[in-house]
């Protein structure tokens, strides 16, 4: 166990006591290793002067979960890119950063 390296999430979002962590792992699909993601949501609370975590949430936590889920989705799916050629047409490989800026 001394040689085992504990994996860490690639990204963590927090809102109050609610936390969402994104984990990455490799999976073989069509003889190619691709990165797949999983999500863990939990809430911190104090018990006997010690902080601990649970995956049981309160109704009041749901708006926080929705916000964190949205931020995680944006982090994983909304990519910006620089077009290879100076063209006004998107190439379908991502979201043109110019359109994000214009909508902000």
PDB file of N, CA and C in Angstrom:
ATOM      1  N   UNK A   1       0.814  -1.194   0.000  1.00  0.00           N
ATOM      2  CA  UNK A   1       0.000   0.000   0.000  1.00  0.00           C
ATOM      3  C   UNK A   1       0.860   1.260   0.000  1.00  0.00           C
ATOM      4  N   UNK A   2       2.127   1.159   0.399  1.00  0.00           N
ATOM      5  CA  UNK A   2       2.998   2.314   0.434  1.00  0.00           C
ATOM      6  C   UNK A   2       3.253   2.892  -0.947  1.00  0.00           C
ATOM      7  N   UNK A   3       3.245   2.043  -1.987  1.00  0.00           N
ATOM      8  CA  UNK A   3       3.526   2.496  -3.338  1.00  0.00           C
ATOM      9  C   UNK A   3       2.283   2.992  -4.068  1.00  0.00           C
ATOM     10  N   UNK A   4       1.116   2.798  -3.474  1.00  0.00           N
ATOM     11  CA  UNK A   4      -0.115   3.234  -4.116  1.00  0.00           C
ATOM     12  C   UNK A   4      -0.225   4.763  -4.078  1.00  0.00           C
ATOM     13  N   UNK A   5      -0.592   5.316  -5.213  1.00  0.00           N
ATOM     14  CA  UNK A   5      -0.800   6.751  -5.300  1.00  0.00           C
ATOM     15  C   UNK A   5      -2.299   6.992  -5.314  1.00  0.00           C
ATOM     16  N   UNK A   6      -2.773   7.794  -4.387  1.00  0.00           N
ATOM     17  CA  UNK A   6      -4.203   8.089  -4.318  1.00  0.00           C
ATOM     18  C   UNK A   6      -4.561   9.091  -5.413  1.00  0.00           C
ATOM     19  N   UNK A   7      -5.544   8.737  -6.213  1.00  0.00           N
ATOM     20  CA  UNK A   7      -5.989   9.621  -7.282  1.00  0.00           C
ATOM     21  C   UNK A   7      -6.731  10.805  -6.686  1.00  0.00           C
ATOM     22  N   UNK A   8      -6.615  11.930  -7.345  1.00  0.00           N
ATOM     23  CA  UNK A   8      -7.307  13.144  -6.926  1.00  0.00           C
ATOM     24  C   UNK A   8      -8.240  13.575  -8.045  1.00  0.00           C
ATOM     25  N   UNK A   9      -9.291  14.305  -7.697  1.00  0.00           N
ATOM     26  CA  UNK A   9     -10.175  14.812  -8.751  1.00  0.00           C
ATOM     27  C   UNK A   9      -9.436  15.818  -9.634  1.00  0.00           C
ATOM     28  N   UNK A  10      -9.865  15.901 -10.894  1.00  0.00           N
ATOM     29  CA  UNK A  10      -9.223  16.849 -11.810  1.00  0.00           C
ATOM     30  C   UNK A  10      -9.736  18.262 -11.591  1.00  0.00           C
ATOM     31  N   UNK A  11     -10.927  18.370 -10.997  1.00  0.00           N
ATOM     32  CA  UNK A  11     -11.517  19.689 -10.724  1.00  0.00           C
ATOM     33  C   UNK A  11     -12.533  19.549  -9.613  1.00  0.00           C
ATOM     34  N   UNK A  12     -12.617  20.547  -8.749  1.00  0.00           N
ATOM     35  CA  UNK A  12     -13.586  20.558  -7.664  1.00  0.00           C
ATOM     36  C   UNK A  12     -14.266  21.920  -7.625  1.00  0.00           C
ATOM     37  N   UNK A  13     -15.579  21.897  -7.451  1.00  0.00           N
ATOM     38  CA  UNK A  13     -16.375  23.109  -7.316  1.00  0.00           C
ATOM     39  C   UNK A  13     -17.046  23.076  -5.946  1.00  0.00           C
ATOM     40  N   UNK A  14     -17.141  24.224  -5.294  1.00  0.00           N
ATOM     41  CA  UNK A  14     -17.789  24.297  -3.985  1.00  0.00           C
ATOM     42  C   UNK A  14     -18.781  25.442  -3.958  1.00  0.00           C
ATOM     43  N   UNK A  15     -19.881  25.210  -3.247  1.00  0.00           N
ATOM     44  CA  UNK A  15     -20.874  26.242  -2.981  1.00  0.00           C
ATOM     45  C   UNK A  15     -21.375  25.987  -1.559  1.00  0.00           C
ATOM     46  N   UNK A  16     -20.923  26.793  -0.618  1.00  0.00           N
ATOM     47  CA  UNK A  16     -21.265  26.531   0.775  1.00  0.00           C
ATOM     48  C   UNK A  16     -20.649  25.223   1.210  1.00  0.00           C
ATOM     49  N   UNK A  17     -21.461  24.371   1.820  1.00  0.00           N
ATOM     50  CA  UNK A  17     -20.969  23.069   2.282  1.00  0.00           C
ATOM     51  C   UNK A  17     -21.085  21.976   1.221  1.00  0.00           C
ATOM     52  N   UNK A  18     -21.635  22.306   0.053  1.00  0.00           N
ATOM     53  CA  UNK A  18     -21.812  21.318  -1.013  1.00  0.00           C
ATOM     54  C   UNK A  18     -20.604  21.364  -1.942  1.00  0.00           C
ATOM     55  N   UNK A  19     -20.120  20.195  -2.328  1.00  0.00           N
ATOM     56  CA  UNK A  19     -18.942  20.074  -3.172  1.00  0.00           C
ATOM     57  C   UNK A  19     -19.203  19.089  -4.302  1.00  0.00           C
ATOM     58  N   UNK A  20     -18.747  19.441  -5.498  1.00  0.00           N
ATOM     59  CA  UNK A  20     -18.822  18.558  -6.656  1.00  0.00           C
ATOM     60  C   UNK A  20     -17.405  18.342  -7.153  1.00  0.00           C
ATOM     61  N   UNK A  21     -17.013  17.083  -7.320  1.00  0.00           N
ATOM     62  CA  UNK A  21     -15.678  16.743  -7.813  1.00  0.00           C
ATOM     63  C   UNK A  21     -15.800  15.982  -9.129  1.00  0.00           C
ATOM     64  N   UNK A  22     -14.919  16.314 -10.063  1.00  0.00           N
ATOM     65  CA  UNK A  22     -14.859  15.634 -11.358  1.00  0.00           C
ATOM     66  C   UNK A  22     -13.643  14.718 -11.341  1.00  0.00           C
ATOM     67  N   UNK A  23     -13.880  13.456 -11.643  1.00  0.00           N
ATOM     68  CA  UNK A  23     -12.827  12.450 -11.685  1.00  0.00           C
ATOM     69  C   UNK A  23     -12.633  11.994 -13.123  1.00  0.00           C
ATOM     70  N   UNK A  24     -11.403  11.737 -13.508  1.00  0.00           N
ATOM     71  CA  UNK A  24     -11.097  11.262 -14.861  1.00  0.00           C
ATOM     72  C   UNK A  24     -10.496   9.869 -14.778  1.00  0.00           C
ATOM     73  N   UNK A  25     -10.832   9.068 -15.773  1.00  0.00           N
ATOM     74  CA  UNK A  25     -10.286   7.721 -15.860  1.00  0.00           C
ATOM     75  C   UNK A  25     -10.173   7.358 -17.333  1.00  0.00           C
ATOM     76  N   UNK A  26      -9.292   6.450 -17.647  1.00  0.00           N
ATOM     77  CA  UNK A  26      -9.130   5.991 -19.020  1.00  0.00           C
ATOM     78  C   UNK A  26      -9.979   4.762 -19.278  1.00  0.00           C
ATOM     79  N   UNK A  27     -10.573   4.712 -20.451  1.00  0.00           N
ATOM     80  CA  UNK A  27     -11.397   3.571 -20.859  1.00  0.00           C
ATOM     81  C   UNK A  27     -11.057   3.247 -22.307  1.00  0.00           C
ATOM     82  N   UNK A  28     -10.935   1.955 -22.604  1.00  0.00           N
ATOM     83  CA  UNK A  28     -10.614   1.543 -23.968  1.00  0.00           C
ATOM     84  C   UNK A  28     -11.902   1.426 -24.771  1.00  0.00           C
ATOM     85  N   UNK A  29     -11.972   2.201 -25.843  1.00  0.00           N
ATOM     86  CA  UNK A  29     -13.108   2.174 -26.756  1.00  0.00           C
ATOM     87  C   UNK A  29     -12.538   2.060 -28.163  1.00  0.00           C
ATOM     88  N   UNK A  30     -12.930   1.021 -28.895  1.00  0.00           N
ATOM     89  CA  UNK A  30     -12.425   0.773 -30.253  1.00  0.00           C
ATOM     90  C   UNK A  30     -10.893   0.792 -30.287  1.00  0.00           C
ATOM     91  N   UNK A  31     -10.275   0.060 -29.357  1.00  0.00           N
ATOM     92  CA  UNK A  31      -8.814  -0.073 -29.266  1.00  0.00           C
ATOM     93  C   UNK A  31      -8.095   1.251 -29.031  1.00  0.00           C
ATOM     94  N   UNK A  32      -8.785   2.216 -28.485  1.00  0.00           N
ATOM     95  CA  UNK A  32      -8.184   3.508 -28.197  1.00  0.00           C
ATOM     96  C   UNK A  32      -8.562   3.908 -26.776  1.00  0.00           C
ATOM     97  N   UNK A  33      -7.608   4.399 -26.015  1.00  0.00           N
ATOM     98  CA  UNK A  33      -7.884   4.845 -24.650  1.00  0.00           C
ATOM     99  C   UNK A  33      -8.443   6.259 -24.709  1.00  0.00           C
ATOM    100  N   UNK A  34      -9.639   6.429 -24.146  1.00  0.00           N
ATOM    101  CA  UNK A  34     -10.266   7.741 -24.099  1.00  0.00           C
ATOM    102  C   UNK A  34     -10.508   8.114 -22.638  1.00  0.00           C
ATOM    103  N   UNK A  35     -10.542   9.395 -22.380  1.00  0.00           N
ATOM    104  CA  UNK A  35     -10.790   9.871 -21.021  1.00  0.00           C
ATOM    105  C   UNK A  35     -12.289   9.953 -20.778  1.00  0.00           C
ATOM    106  N   UNK A  36     -12.739   9.333 -19.702  1.00  0.00           N
ATOM    107  CA  UNK A  36     -14.139   9.407 -19.292  1.00  0.00           C
ATOM    108  C   UNK A  36     -14.189  10.072 -17.927  1.00  0.00           C
ATOM    109  N   UNK A  37     -15.301  10.712 -17.644  1.00  0.00           N
ATOM    110  CA  UNK A  37     -15.431  11.467 -16.402  1.00  0.00           C
ATOM    111  C   UNK A  37     -16.577  10.943 -15.553  1.00  0.00           C
ATOM    112  N   UNK A  38     -16.388  11.024 -14.259  1.00  0.00           N
ATOM    113  CA  UNK A  38     -17.469  10.727 -13.326  1.00  0.00           C
ATOM    114  C   UNK A  38     -17.549  11.887 -12.332  1.00  0.00           C
ATOM    115  N   UNK A  39     -18.705  12.016 -11.714  1.00  0.00           N
ATOM    116  CA  UNK A  39     -18.982  13.144 -10.835  1.00  0.00           C
ATOM    117  C   UNK A  39     -19.345  12.624  -9.449  1.00  0.00           C
ATOM    118  N   UNK A  40     -18.814  13.272  -8.429  1.00  0.00           N
ATOM    119  CA  UNK A  40     -19.168  12.947  -7.051  1.00  0.00           C
ATOM    120  C   UNK A  40     -19.647  14.228  -6.381  1.00  0.00           C
ATOM    121  N   UNK A  41     -20.827  14.159  -5.765  1.00  0.00           N
ATOM    122  CA  UNK A  41     -21.390  15.303  -5.049  1.00  0.00           C
ATOM    123  C   UNK A  41     -21.546  14.909  -3.590  1.00  0.00           C
ATOM    124  N   UNK A  42     -21.083  15.778  -2.703  1.00  0.00           N
ATOM    125  CA  UNK A  42     -21.286  15.513  -1.280  1.00  0.00           C
ATOM    126  C   UNK A  42     -21.443  16.824  -0.510  1.00  0.00           C
ATOM    127  N   UNK A  43     -21.792  16.695   0.745  1.00  0.00           N
ATOM    128  CA  UNK A  43     -22.003  17.845   1.617  1.00  0.00           C
ATOM    129  C   UNK A  43     -21.207  17.621   2.898  1.00  0.00           C
ATOM    130  N   UNK A  44     -20.510  18.655   3.326  1.00  0.00           N
ATOM    131  CA  UNK A  44     -19.737  18.587   4.562  1.00  0.00           C
ATOM    132  C   UNK A  44     -20.625  18.982   5.742  1.00  0.00           C
ATOM    133  N   UNK A  45     -20.367  18.358   6.872  1.00  0.00           N
ATOM    134  CA  UNK A  45     -21.046  18.746   8.108  1.00  0.00           C
ATOM    135  C   UNK A  45     -20.144  18.404   9.280  1.00  0.00           C
ATOM    136  N   UNK A  46     -20.409  19.062  10.391  1.00  0.00           N
ATOM    137  CA  UNK A  46     -19.580  18.865  11.573  1.00  0.00           C
ATOM    138  C   UNK A  46     -20.291  17.942  12.546  1.00  0.00           C
ATOM    139  N   UNK A  47     -19.575  16.929  13.020  1.00  0.00           N
ATOM    140  CA  UNK A  47     -20.113  15.974  13.984  1.00  0.00           C
ATOM    141  C   UNK A  47     -19.065  15.781  15.082  1.00  0.00           C
ATOM    142  N   UNK A  48     -19.422  16.133  16.292  1.00  0.00           N
ATOM    143  CA  UNK A  48     -18.499  15.995  17.431  1.00  0.00           C
ATOM    144  C   UNK A  48     -17.168  16.697  17.165  1.00  0.00           C
ATOM    145  N   UNK A  49     -17.227  17.944  16.765  1.00  0.00           N
ATOM    146  CA  UNK A  49     -16.026  18.763  16.496  1.00  0.00           C
ATOM    147  C   UNK A  49     -15.136  18.210  15.398  1.00  0.00           C
ATOM    148  N   UNK A  50     -15.693  17.374  14.520  1.00  0.00           N
ATOM    149  CA  UNK A  50     -14.931  16.800  13.410  1.00  0.00           C
ATOM    150  C   UNK A  50     -15.745  16.948  12.131  1.00  0.00           C
ATOM    151  N   UNK A  51     -15.095  17.435  11.071  1.00  0.00           N
ATOM    152  CA  UNK A  51     -15.771  17.572   9.786  1.00  0.00           C
ATOM    153  C   UNK A  51     -15.823  16.220   9.086  1.00  0.00           C
ATOM    154  N   UNK A  52     -16.980  15.910   8.527  1.00  0.00           N
ATOM    155  CA  UNK A  52     -17.160  14.677   7.765  1.00  0.00           C
ATOM    156  C   UNK A  52     -18.028  14.984   6.549  1.00  0.00           C
ATOM    157  N   UNK A  53     -18.209  14.008   5.673  1.00  0.00           N
ATOM    158  CA  UNK A  53     -18.960  14.222   4.426  1.00  0.00           C
ATOM    159  C   UNK A  53     -20.043  13.171   4.273  1.00  0.00           C
ATOM    160  N   UNK A  54     -21.114  13.561   3.595  1.00  0.00           N
ATOM    161  CA  UNK A  54     -22.210  12.653   3.287  1.00  0.00           C
ATOM    162  C   UNK A  54     -22.692  12.926   1.871  1.00  0.00           C
ATOM    163  N   UNK A  55     -23.309  11.927   1.253  1.00  0.00           N
ATOM    164  CA  UNK A  55     -23.931  12.147  -0.055  1.00  0.00           C
ATOM    165  C   UNK A  55     -25.437  12.336   0.088  1.00  0.00           C
ATOM    166  N   UNK A  56     -25.920  12.451   1.323  1.00  0.00           N
ATOM    167  CA  UNK A  56     -27.319  12.771   1.586  1.00  0.00           C
ATOM    168  C   UNK A  56     -27.452  14.291   1.617  1.00  0.00           C
ATOM    169  N   UNK A  57     -28.355  14.814   0.815  1.00  0.00           N
ATOM    170  CA  UNK A  57     -28.506  16.259   0.687  1.00  0.00           C
ATOM    171  C   UNK A  57     -29.849  16.719   1.241  1.00  0.00           C
ATOM    172  N   UNK A  58     -29.899  17.980   1.641  1.00  0.00           N
ATOM    173  CA  UNK A  58     -31.144  18.606   2.076  1.00  0.00           C
ATOM    174  C   UNK A  58     -31.814  19.292   0.891  1.00  0.00           C
ATOM    175  N   UNK A  59     -33.083  19.592   1.026  1.00  0.00           N
ATOM    176  CA  UNK A  59     -33.812  20.311  -0.031  1.00  0.00           C
ATOM    177  C   UNK A  59     -33.121  21.638  -0.330  1.00  0.00           C
ATOM    178  N   UNK A  60     -32.614  22.290   0.695  1.00  0.00           N
ATOM    179  CA  UNK A  60     -31.941  23.576   0.517  1.00  0.00           C
ATOM    180  C   UNK A  60     -30.637  23.447  -0.272  1.00  0.00           C
ATOM    181  N   UNK A  61     -30.108  22.243  -0.371  1.00  0.00           N
ATOM    182  CA  UNK A  61     -28.873  22.022  -1.124  1.00  0.00           C
ATOM    183  C   UNK A  61     -29.112  21.929  -2.632  1.00  0.00           C
ATOM    184  N   UNK A  62     -30.336  21.671  -3.053  1.00  0.00           N
ATOM    185  CA  UNK A  62     -30.608  21.416  -4.476  1.00  0.00           C
ATOM    186  C   UNK A  62     -30.233  22.570  -5.399  1.00  0.00           C
ATOM    187  N   UNK A  63     -30.525  23.834  -5.066  1.00  0.00           N
ATOM    188  CA  UNK A  63     -30.072  24.912  -5.960  1.00  0.00           C
ATOM    189  C   UNK A  63     -28.547  24.959  -6.081  1.00  0.00           C
ATOM    190  N   UNK A  64     -27.850  24.649  -4.994  1.00  0.00           N
ATOM    191  CA  UNK A  64     -26.385  24.617  -5.036  1.00  0.00           C
ATOM    192  C   UNK A  64     -25.903  23.496  -5.945  1.00  0.00           C
ATOM    193  N   UNK A  65     -26.551  22.331  -5.858  1.00  0.00           N
ATOM    194  CA  UNK A  65     -26.190  21.198  -6.713  1.00  0.00           C
ATOM    195  C   UNK A  65     -26.409  21.565  -8.180  1.00  0.00           C
ATOM    196  N   UNK A  66     -27.525  22.232  -8.475  1.00  0.00           N
ATOM    197  CA  UNK A  66     -27.809  22.632  -9.853  1.00  0.00           C
ATOM    198  C   UNK A  66     -26.735  23.586 -10.372  1.00  0.00           C
ATOM    199  N   UNK A  67     -26.337  24.548  -9.558  1.00  0.00           N
ATOM    200  CA  UNK A  67     -25.303  25.497  -9.955  1.00  0.00           C
ATOM    201  C   UNK A  67     -23.972  24.789 -10.182  1.00  0.00           C
ATOM    202  N   UNK A  68     -23.595  23.922  -9.267  1.00  0.00           N
ATOM    203  CA  UNK A  68     -22.335  23.194  -9.403  1.00  0.00           C
ATOM    204  C   UNK A  68     -22.343  22.265 -10.615  1.00  0.00           C
ATOM    205  N   UNK A  69     -23.479  21.605 -10.865  1.00  0.00           N
ATOM    206  CA  UNK A  69     -23.589  20.712 -12.018  1.00  0.00           C
ATOM    207  C   UNK A  69     -23.441  21.503 -13.321  1.00  0.00           C
ATOM    208  N   UNK A  70     -24.031  22.679 -13.369  1.00  0.00           N
ATOM    209  CA  UNK A  70     -23.920  23.525 -14.559  1.00  0.00           C
ATOM    210  C   UNK A  70     -22.463  23.939 -14.790  1.00  0.00           C
ATOM    211  N   UNK A  71     -21.779  24.350 -13.727  1.00  0.00           N
ATOM    212  CA  UNK A  71     -20.377  24.752 -13.852  1.00  0.00           C
ATOM    213  C   UNK A  71     -19.504  23.566 -14.270  1.00  0.00           C
ATOM    214  N   UNK A  72     -19.775  22.403 -13.730  1.00  0.00           N
ATOM    215  CA  UNK A  72     -19.009  21.212 -14.109  1.00  0.00           C
ATOM    216  C   UNK A  72     -19.244  20.877 -15.579  1.00  0.00           C
ATOM    217  N   UNK A  73     -20.502  20.955 -16.018  1.00  0.00           N
ATOM    218  CA  UNK A  73     -20.815  20.672 -17.413  1.00  0.00           C
ATOM    219  C   UNK A  73     -20.093  21.656 -18.337  1.00  0.00           C
ATOM    220  N   UNK A  74     -20.133  22.939 -17.987  1.00  0.00           N
ATOM    221  CA  UNK A  74     -19.415  23.934 -18.789  1.00  0.00           C
ATOM    222  C   UNK A  74     -17.926  23.613 -18.835  1.00  0.00           C
ATOM    223  N   UNK A  75     -17.366  23.246 -17.716  1.00  0.00           N
ATOM    224  CA  UNK A  75     -15.944  22.944 -17.642  1.00  0.00           C
ATOM    225  C   UNK A  75     -15.566  21.773 -18.551  1.00  0.00           C
ATOM    226  N   UNK A  76     -16.434  20.775 -18.634  1.00  0.00           N
ATOM    227  CA  UNK A  76     -16.129  19.580 -19.423  1.00  0.00           C
ATOM    228  C   UNK A  76     -16.509  19.701 -20.894  1.00  0.00           C
ATOM    229  N   UNK A  77     -17.555  20.431 -21.209  1.00  0.00           N
ATOM    230  CA  UNK A  77     -18.089  20.398 -22.576  1.00  0.00           C
ATOM    231  C   UNK A  77     -17.877  21.652 -23.395  1.00  0.00           C
ATOM    232  N   UNK A  78     -17.782  22.791 -22.760  1.00  0.00           N
ATOM    233  CA  UNK A  78     -17.643  24.025 -23.530  1.00  0.00           C
ATOM    234  C   UNK A  78     -16.171  24.347 -23.684  1.00  0.00           C
ATOM    235  N   UNK A  79     -15.667  24.103 -24.864  1.00  0.00           N
ATOM    236  CA  UNK A  79     -14.255  24.338 -25.163  1.00  0.00           C
ATOM    237  C   UNK A  79     -14.145  25.516 -26.127  1.00  0.00           C
ATOM    238  N   UNK A  80     -13.104  26.285 -25.978  1.00  0.00           N
ATOM    239  CA  UNK A  80     -12.839  27.344 -26.948  1.00  0.00           C
ATOM    240  C   UNK A  80     -11.700  26.875 -27.838  1.00  0.00           C
ATOM    241  N   UNK A  81     -11.631  27.435 -29.005  1.00  0.00           N
ATOM    242  CA  UNK A  81     -10.573  27.054 -29.927  1.00  0.00           C
ATOM    243  C   UNK A  81     -10.216  28.247 -30.789  1.00  0.00           C
ATOM    244  N   UNK A  82      -9.043  28.192 -31.338  1.00  0.00           N
ATOM    245  CA  UNK A  82      -8.599  29.177 -32.301  1.00  0.00           C
ATOM    246  C   UNK A  82      -8.757  28.560 -33.674  1.00  0.00           C
ATOM    247  N   UNK A  83      -9.540  29.167 -34.561  1.00  0.00           N
ATOM    248  CA  UNK A  83      -9.716  28.606 -35.903  1.00  0.00           C
ATOM    249  C   UNK A  83      -8.368  28.498 -36.623  1.00  0.00           C
ATOM    250  N   UNK A  84      -8.191  27.396 -37.344  1.00  0.00           N
ATOM    251  CA  UNK A  84      -6.945  27.158 -38.083  1.00  0.00           C
ATOM    252  C   UNK A  84      -6.776  28.193 -39.185  1.00  0.00           C
ATOM    253  N   UNK A  85      -7.871  28.495 -39.870  1.00  0.00           N
ATOM    254  CA  UNK A  85      -7.839  29.499 -40.928  1.00  0.00           C
ATOM    255  C   UNK A  85      -8.722  30.663 -40.495  1.00  0.00           C
ATOM    256  N   UNK A  86      -8.443  31.825 -40.989  1.00  0.00           N
ATOM    257  CA  UNK A  86      -9.262  32.987 -40.676  1.00  0.00           C
ATOM    258  C   UNK A  86     -10.579  32.887 -41.435  1.00  0.00           C
ATOM    259  N   UNK A  87     -11.529  32.225 -40.815  1.00  0.00           N
ATOM    260  CA  UNK A  87     -12.819  31.995 -41.436  1.00  0.00           C
ATOM    261  C   UNK A  87     -13.907  32.340 -40.442  1.00  0.00           C
ATOM    262  N   UNK A  88     -15.030  32.814 -40.946  1.00  0.00           N
ATOM    263  CA  UNK A  88     -16.158  33.108 -40.072  1.00  0.00           C
ATOM    264  C   UNK A  88     -17.003  31.876 -39.800  1.00  0.00           C
ATOM    265  N   UNK A  89     -16.698  30.772 -40.471  1.00  0.00           N
ATOM    266  CA  UNK A  89     -17.467  29.550 -40.299  1.00  0.00           C
ATOM    267  C   UNK A  89     -16.847  28.664 -39.230  1.00  0.00           C
ATOM    268  N   UNK A  90     -17.630  28.237 -38.224  1.00  0.00           N
ATOM    269  CA  UNK A  90     -17.090  27.308 -37.233  1.00  0.00           C
ATOM    270  C   UNK A  90     -16.854  25.948 -37.873  1.00  0.00           C
ATOM    271  N   UNK A  91     -15.865  25.218 -37.366  1.00  0.00           N
ATOM    272  CA  UNK A  91     -15.541  23.916 -37.953  1.00  0.00           C
ATOM    273  C   UNK A  91     -16.208  22.757 -37.228  1.00  0.00           C
ATOM    274  N   UNK A  92     -17.007  23.033 -36.203  1.00  0.00           N
ATOM    275  CA  UNK A  92     -17.717  21.981 -35.512  1.00  0.00           C
ATOM    276  C   UNK A  92     -16.896  21.265 -34.462  1.00  0.00           C
ATOM    277  N   UNK A  93     -15.651  21.688 -34.227  1.00  0.00           N
ATOM    278  CA  UNK A  93     -14.790  21.012 -33.259  1.00  0.00           C
ATOM    279  C   UNK A  93     -14.905  21.608 -31.861  1.00  0.00           C
ATOM    280  N   UNK A  94     -15.641  22.667 -31.708  1.00  0.00           N
ATOM    281  CA  UNK A  94     -15.764  23.301 -30.398  1.00  0.00           C
ATOM    282  C   UNK A  94     -16.637  24.519 -30.499  1.00  0.00           C
ATOM    283  N   UNK A  95     -16.566  25.351 -29.533  1.00  0.00           N
ATOM    284  CA  UNK A  95     -17.340  26.579 -29.539  1.00  0.00           C
ATOM    285  C   UNK A  95     -16.383  27.721 -29.809  1.00  0.00           C
ATOM    286  N   UNK A  96     -16.711  28.516 -30.780  1.00  0.00           N
ATOM    287  CA  UNK A  96     -15.870  29.636 -31.158  1.00  0.00           C
ATOM    288  C   UNK A  96     -15.864  30.634 -30.003  1.00  0.00           C
ATOM    289  N   UNK A  97     -14.682  30.996 -29.530  1.00  0.00           N
ATOM    290  CA  UNK A  97     -14.586  31.909 -28.403  1.00  0.00           C
ATOM    291  C   UNK A  97     -15.170  33.280 -28.749  1.00  0.00           C
ATOM    292  N   UNK A  98     -15.203  33.626 -30.030  1.00  0.00           N
ATOM    293  CA  UNK A  98     -15.798  34.907 -30.419  1.00  0.00           C
ATOM    294  C   UNK A  98     -17.291  34.925 -30.106  1.00  0.00           C
ATOM    295  N   UNK A  99     -17.978  33.804 -30.307  1.00  0.00           N
ATOM    296  CA  UNK A  99     -19.422  33.788 -30.037  1.00  0.00           C
ATOM    297  C   UNK A  99     -19.698  33.836 -28.545  1.00  0.00           C
ATOM    298  N   UNK A 100     -18.805  33.275 -27.718  1.00  0.00           N
ATOM    299  CA  UNK A 100     -18.988  33.350 -26.274  1.00  0.00           C
ATOM    300  C   UNK A 100     -18.832  34.787 -25.815  1.00  0.00           C
ATOM    301  N   UNK A 101     -17.805  35.470 -26.327  1.00  0.00           N
ATOM    302  CA  UNK A 101     -17.557  36.848 -25.940  1.00  0.00           C
ATOM    303  C   UNK A 101     -18.716  37.740 -26.361  1.00  0.00           C
ATOM    304  N   UNK A 102     -19.246  37.541 -27.541  1.00  0.00           N
ATOM    305  CA  UNK A 102     -20.339  38.382 -28.032  1.00  0.00           C
ATOM    306  C   UNK A 102     -21.591  38.223 -27.200  1.00  0.00           C
ATOM    307  N   UNK A 103     -21.819  37.054 -26.620  1.00  0.00           N
ATOM    308  CA  UNK A 103     -23.036  36.804 -25.842  1.00  0.00           C
ATOM    309  C   UNK A 103     -22.896  37.208 -24.384  1.00  0.00           C
ATOM    310  N   UNK A 104     -21.677  37.471 -23.935  1.00  0.00           N
ATOM    311  CA  UNK A 104     -21.448  37.790 -22.519  1.00  0.00           C
ATOM    312  C   UNK A 104     -22.027  39.130 -22.167  1.00  0.00           C
TER     313      UNK A 104
END
